[in-house]
């Protein structure tokens, strides 16, 4: 049975900042929370997403000052979102088609989390590693 996005974001802290936050403040938050993207939220509503790629392409590559540039200037406004009851495979399809690695999860107009390509390395990867170890053990027994 496919995993729902709700199960993936269960217990996840919503990492969000207002649009007036500076890039350097957002980068510190991303480092502290170990995430690659921040939801940009105003009055409880998602207005954009700011990612580590934005830091490189829209800030550093363009010679902007991270201490004075606000997220509103370099975020992706009105990003594509997904509902938490959708299957994770749907989010992967959105990321593949859109060429991005993060999709904000929104329910009843409010951001409730974020899924990323890294989430594809969840239980599926554990199952794969378990199967590899099992095969090695069988090979050891038979040899």
C-alpha atoms as a PDB file:
ATOM      1  CA  UNK A   1       0.000   0.000   0.000  1.00  0.00           C
ATOM      2  CA  UNK A   2       1.468   3.387  -0.957  1.00  0.00           C
ATOM      3  CA  UNK A   3       2.474   5.712   1.859  1.00  0.00           C
ATOM      4  CA  UNK A   4       0.374   8.823   2.263  1.00  0.00           C
ATOM      5  CA  UNK A   5       2.094  12.155   2.671  1.00  0.00           C
ATOM      6  CA  UNK A   6       0.379  12.494   6.041  1.00  0.00           C
ATOM      7  CA  UNK A   7       2.354   9.496   7.349  1.00  0.00           C
ATOM      8  CA  UNK A   8       5.610  11.001   6.083  1.00  0.00           C
ATOM      9  CA  UNK A   9       5.097  14.409   7.708  1.00  0.00           C
ATOM     10  CA  UNK A  10       3.677  12.968  10.928  1.00  0.00           C
ATOM     11  CA  UNK A  11       5.550  14.582  13.801  1.00  0.00           C
ATOM     12  CA  UNK A  12       7.439  16.878  11.434  1.00  0.00           C
ATOM     13  CA  UNK A  13       8.040  20.410  12.639  1.00  0.00           C
ATOM     14  CA  UNK A  14       6.852  23.045  10.179  1.00  0.00           C
ATOM     15  CA  UNK A  15       9.913  25.170   9.390  1.00  0.00           C
ATOM     16  CA  UNK A  16       8.584  28.556   8.319  1.00  0.00           C
ATOM     17  CA  UNK A  17       9.626  32.194   8.167  1.00  0.00           C
ATOM     18  CA  UNK A  18       7.930  35.438   7.172  1.00  0.00           C
ATOM     19  CA  UNK A  19       8.769  36.975   3.781  1.00  0.00           C
ATOM     20  CA  UNK A  20      10.731  39.809   5.418  1.00  0.00           C
ATOM     21  CA  UNK A  21      13.270  37.338   6.895  1.00  0.00           C
ATOM     22  CA  UNK A  22      16.759  37.818   5.489  1.00  0.00           C
ATOM     23  CA  UNK A  23      18.476  35.087   3.516  1.00  0.00           C
ATOM     24  CA  UNK A  24      21.177  34.738   6.168  1.00  0.00           C
ATOM     25  CA  UNK A  25      18.545  34.324   8.922  1.00  0.00           C
ATOM     26  CA  UNK A  26      16.738  31.701   6.822  1.00  0.00           C
ATOM     27  CA  UNK A  27      20.017  29.886   6.108  1.00  0.00           C
ATOM     28  CA  UNK A  28      20.785  29.738   9.835  1.00  0.00           C
ATOM     29  CA  UNK A  29      17.298  28.345  10.489  1.00  0.00           C
ATOM     30  CA  UNK A  30      17.761  25.720   7.765  1.00  0.00           C
ATOM     31  CA  UNK A  31      21.107  24.706   9.281  1.00  0.00           C
ATOM     32  CA  UNK A  32      19.661  24.557  12.805  1.00  0.00           C
ATOM     33  CA  UNK A  33      16.677  22.451  11.725  1.00  0.00           C
ATOM     34  CA  UNK A  34      18.658  20.308   9.242  1.00  0.00           C
ATOM     35  CA  UNK A  35      16.331  21.091   6.328  1.00  0.00           C
ATOM     36  CA  UNK A  36      16.913  22.170   2.740  1.00  0.00           C
ATOM     37  CA  UNK A  37      13.925  24.482   2.440  1.00  0.00           C
ATOM     38  CA  UNK A  38      11.797  26.924   4.408  1.00  0.00           C
ATOM     39  CA  UNK A  39       8.108  27.606   3.955  1.00  0.00           C
ATOM     40  CA  UNK A  40       7.514  31.338   3.577  1.00  0.00           C
ATOM     41  CA  UNK A  41       4.333  32.119   5.485  1.00  0.00           C
ATOM     42  CA  UNK A  42       2.361  35.324   6.006  1.00  0.00           C
ATOM     43  CA  UNK A  43      -0.690  35.419   8.302  1.00  0.00           C
ATOM     44  CA  UNK A  44      -0.766  31.624   8.416  1.00  0.00           C
ATOM     45  CA  UNK A  45      -0.868  31.270   4.623  1.00  0.00           C
ATOM     46  CA  UNK A  46       1.857  29.875   2.389  1.00  0.00           C
ATOM     47  CA  UNK A  47       3.200  32.598   0.089  1.00  0.00           C
ATOM     48  CA  UNK A  48       6.398  30.936  -1.100  1.00  0.00           C
ATOM     49  CA  UNK A  49       9.189  28.466  -0.573  1.00  0.00           C
ATOM     50  CA  UNK A  50      12.898  29.205  -0.175  1.00  0.00           C
ATOM     51  CA  UNK A  51      15.433  26.439  -0.802  1.00  0.00           C
ATOM     52  CA  UNK A  52      19.160  25.845  -0.609  1.00  0.00           C
ATOM     53  CA  UNK A  53      19.228  26.045  -4.406  1.00  0.00           C
ATOM     54  CA  UNK A  54      17.725  29.535  -4.164  1.00  0.00           C
ATOM     55  CA  UNK A  55      20.659  30.528  -1.961  1.00  0.00           C
ATOM     56  CA  UNK A  56      23.083  29.444  -4.672  1.00  0.00           C
ATOM     57  CA  UNK A  57      21.230  30.531  -7.825  1.00  0.00           C
ATOM     58  CA  UNK A  58      19.282  33.604  -6.716  1.00  0.00           C
ATOM     59  CA  UNK A  59      21.562  35.014  -4.032  1.00  0.00           C
ATOM     60  CA  UNK A  60      25.222  34.024  -4.442  1.00  0.00           C
ATOM     61  CA  UNK A  61      25.238  33.711  -8.251  1.00  0.00           C
ATOM     62  CA  UNK A  62      23.543  37.109  -8.555  1.00  0.00           C
ATOM     63  CA  UNK A  63      25.901  38.784  -6.076  1.00  0.00           C
ATOM     64  CA  UNK A  64      23.189  39.672  -3.556  1.00  0.00           C
ATOM     65  CA  UNK A  65      23.969  40.371   0.093  1.00  0.00           C
ATOM     66  CA  UNK A  66      22.500  37.550   2.186  1.00  0.00           C
ATOM     67  CA  UNK A  67      22.338  39.816   5.243  1.00  0.00           C
ATOM     68  CA  UNK A  68      20.047  42.361   3.573  1.00  0.00           C
ATOM     69  CA  UNK A  69      18.179  40.377   0.911  1.00  0.00           C
ATOM     70  CA  UNK A  70      14.742  39.306   2.115  1.00  0.00           C
ATOM     71  CA  UNK A  71      13.087  36.002   1.241  1.00  0.00           C
ATOM     72  CA  UNK A  72      10.329  37.889  -0.598  1.00  0.00           C
ATOM     73  CA  UNK A  73      12.930  38.909  -3.200  1.00  0.00           C
ATOM     74  CA  UNK A  74      14.355  35.449  -3.909  1.00  0.00           C
ATOM     75  CA  UNK A  75      11.739  32.848  -2.930  1.00  0.00           C
ATOM     76  CA  UNK A  76       9.587  30.880  -5.328  1.00  0.00           C
ATOM     77  CA  UNK A  77       6.189  32.551  -4.921  1.00  0.00           C
ATOM     78  CA  UNK A  78       2.953  30.553  -4.913  1.00  0.00           C
ATOM     79  CA  UNK A  79       4.652  27.143  -5.155  1.00  0.00           C
ATOM     80  CA  UNK A  80       2.854  24.026  -6.225  1.00  0.00           C
ATOM     81  CA  UNK A  81       1.497  22.241  -3.147  1.00  0.00           C
ATOM     82  CA  UNK A  82       0.037  18.883  -2.241  1.00  0.00           C
ATOM     83  CA  UNK A  83      -2.627  17.694   0.212  1.00  0.00           C
ATOM     84  CA  UNK A  84      -1.446  15.394   3.031  1.00  0.00           C
ATOM     85  CA  UNK A  85      -3.878  12.614   2.067  1.00  0.00           C
ATOM     86  CA  UNK A  86      -2.327  12.184  -1.394  1.00  0.00           C
ATOM     87  CA  UNK A  87       0.073   9.277  -1.957  1.00  0.00           C
ATOM     88  CA  UNK A  88       3.774  10.091  -1.768  1.00  0.00           C
ATOM     89  CA  UNK A  89       4.221   8.879  -5.338  1.00  0.00           C
ATOM     90  CA  UNK A  90       2.058  11.832  -6.432  1.00  0.00           C
ATOM     91  CA  UNK A  91       4.500  14.221  -4.752  1.00  0.00           C
ATOM     92  CA  UNK A  92       7.433  12.524  -6.482  1.00  0.00           C
ATOM     93  CA  UNK A  93       5.664  12.977  -9.822  1.00  0.00           C
ATOM     94  CA  UNK A  94       5.103  16.694  -9.084  1.00  0.00           C
ATOM     95  CA  UNK A  95       8.793  17.102  -8.199  1.00  0.00           C
ATOM     96  CA  UNK A  96       9.935  15.249 -11.300  1.00  0.00           C
ATOM     97  CA  UNK A  97       7.648  17.182 -13.649  1.00  0.00           C
ATOM     98  CA  UNK A  98       8.451  20.542 -12.034  1.00  0.00           C
ATOM     99  CA  UNK A  99      12.176  19.981 -11.705  1.00  0.00           C
ATOM    100  CA  UNK A 100      12.294  20.737  -7.987  1.00  0.00           C
ATOM    101  CA  UNK A 101      13.030  18.773  -4.811  1.00  0.00           C
ATOM    102  CA  UNK A 102      10.523  20.094  -2.251  1.00  0.00           C
ATOM    103  CA  UNK A 103       6.728  20.270  -2.212  1.00  0.00           C
ATOM    104  CA  UNK A 104       4.887  22.143   0.543  1.00  0.00           C
ATOM    105  CA  UNK A 105       2.040  20.193   2.121  1.00  0.00           C
ATOM    106  CA  UNK A 106      -1.080  22.301   2.624  1.00  0.00           C
ATOM    107  CA  UNK A 107      -4.366  21.410   4.306  1.00  0.00           C
ATOM    108  CA  UNK A 108      -7.331  23.773   4.632  1.00  0.00           C
ATOM    109  CA  UNK A 109      -5.195  26.605   3.268  1.00  0.00           C
ATOM    110  CA  UNK A 110      -2.506  26.190   5.924  1.00  0.00           C
ATOM    111  CA  UNK A 111       0.998  24.749   5.509  1.00  0.00           C
ATOM    112  CA  UNK A 112       1.384  21.581   7.577  1.00  0.00           C
ATOM    113  CA  UNK A 113       4.742  20.277   6.355  1.00  0.00           C
ATOM    114  CA  UNK A 114       7.078  19.664   3.470  1.00  0.00           C
ATOM    115  CA  UNK A 115       8.038  16.576   1.521  1.00  0.00           C
ATOM    116  CA  UNK A 116      11.245  16.218  -0.427  1.00  0.00           C
ATOM    117  CA  UNK A 117      13.049  13.763  -2.621  1.00  0.00           C
ATOM    118  CA  UNK A 118      14.957  12.729   0.514  1.00  0.00           C
ATOM    119  CA  UNK A 119      11.699  11.257   1.840  1.00  0.00           C
ATOM    120  CA  UNK A 120      11.905   8.680  -0.941  1.00  0.00           C
ATOM    121  CA  UNK A 121      14.794   7.204   1.036  1.00  0.00           C
ATOM    122  CA  UNK A 122      12.516   6.256   3.932  1.00  0.00           C
ATOM    123  CA  UNK A 123      11.169   2.761   4.557  1.00  0.00           C
ATOM    124  CA  UNK A 124      11.827   1.761   0.957  1.00  0.00           C
ATOM    125  CA  UNK A 125      15.558   2.232   1.474  1.00  0.00           C
ATOM    126  CA  UNK A 126      15.485   0.372   4.787  1.00  0.00           C
ATOM    127  CA  UNK A 127      13.734  -2.552   3.079  1.00  0.00           C
ATOM    128  CA  UNK A 128      16.366  -2.527   0.324  1.00  0.00           C
ATOM    129  CA  UNK A 129      19.282  -2.537   2.798  1.00  0.00           C
ATOM    130  CA  UNK A 130      17.621  -5.292   4.830  1.00  0.00           C
ATOM    131  CA  UNK A 131      17.234  -7.399   1.703  1.00  0.00           C
ATOM    132  CA  UNK A 132      20.899  -6.857   0.753  1.00  0.00           C
ATOM    133  CA  UNK A 133      22.037  -7.949   4.224  1.00  0.00           C
ATOM    134  CA  UNK A 134      19.753 -10.961   4.083  1.00  0.00           C
ATOM    135  CA  UNK A 135      21.233 -11.970   0.729  1.00  0.00           C
ATOM    136  CA  UNK A 136      24.776 -11.626   2.105  1.00  0.00           C
ATOM    137  CA  UNK A 137      23.881 -13.858   5.037  1.00  0.00           C
ATOM    138  CA  UNK A 138      22.399 -16.477   2.711  1.00  0.00           C
ATOM    139  CA  UNK A 139      25.524 -16.331   0.533  1.00  0.00           C
ATOM    140  CA  UNK A 140      27.724 -16.796   3.632  1.00  0.00           C
ATOM    141  CA  UNK A 141      25.688 -19.798   4.754  1.00  0.00           C
ATOM    142  CA  UNK A 142      25.800 -21.435   1.325  1.00  0.00           C
ATOM    143  CA  UNK A 143      29.518 -20.893   0.765  1.00  0.00           C
END
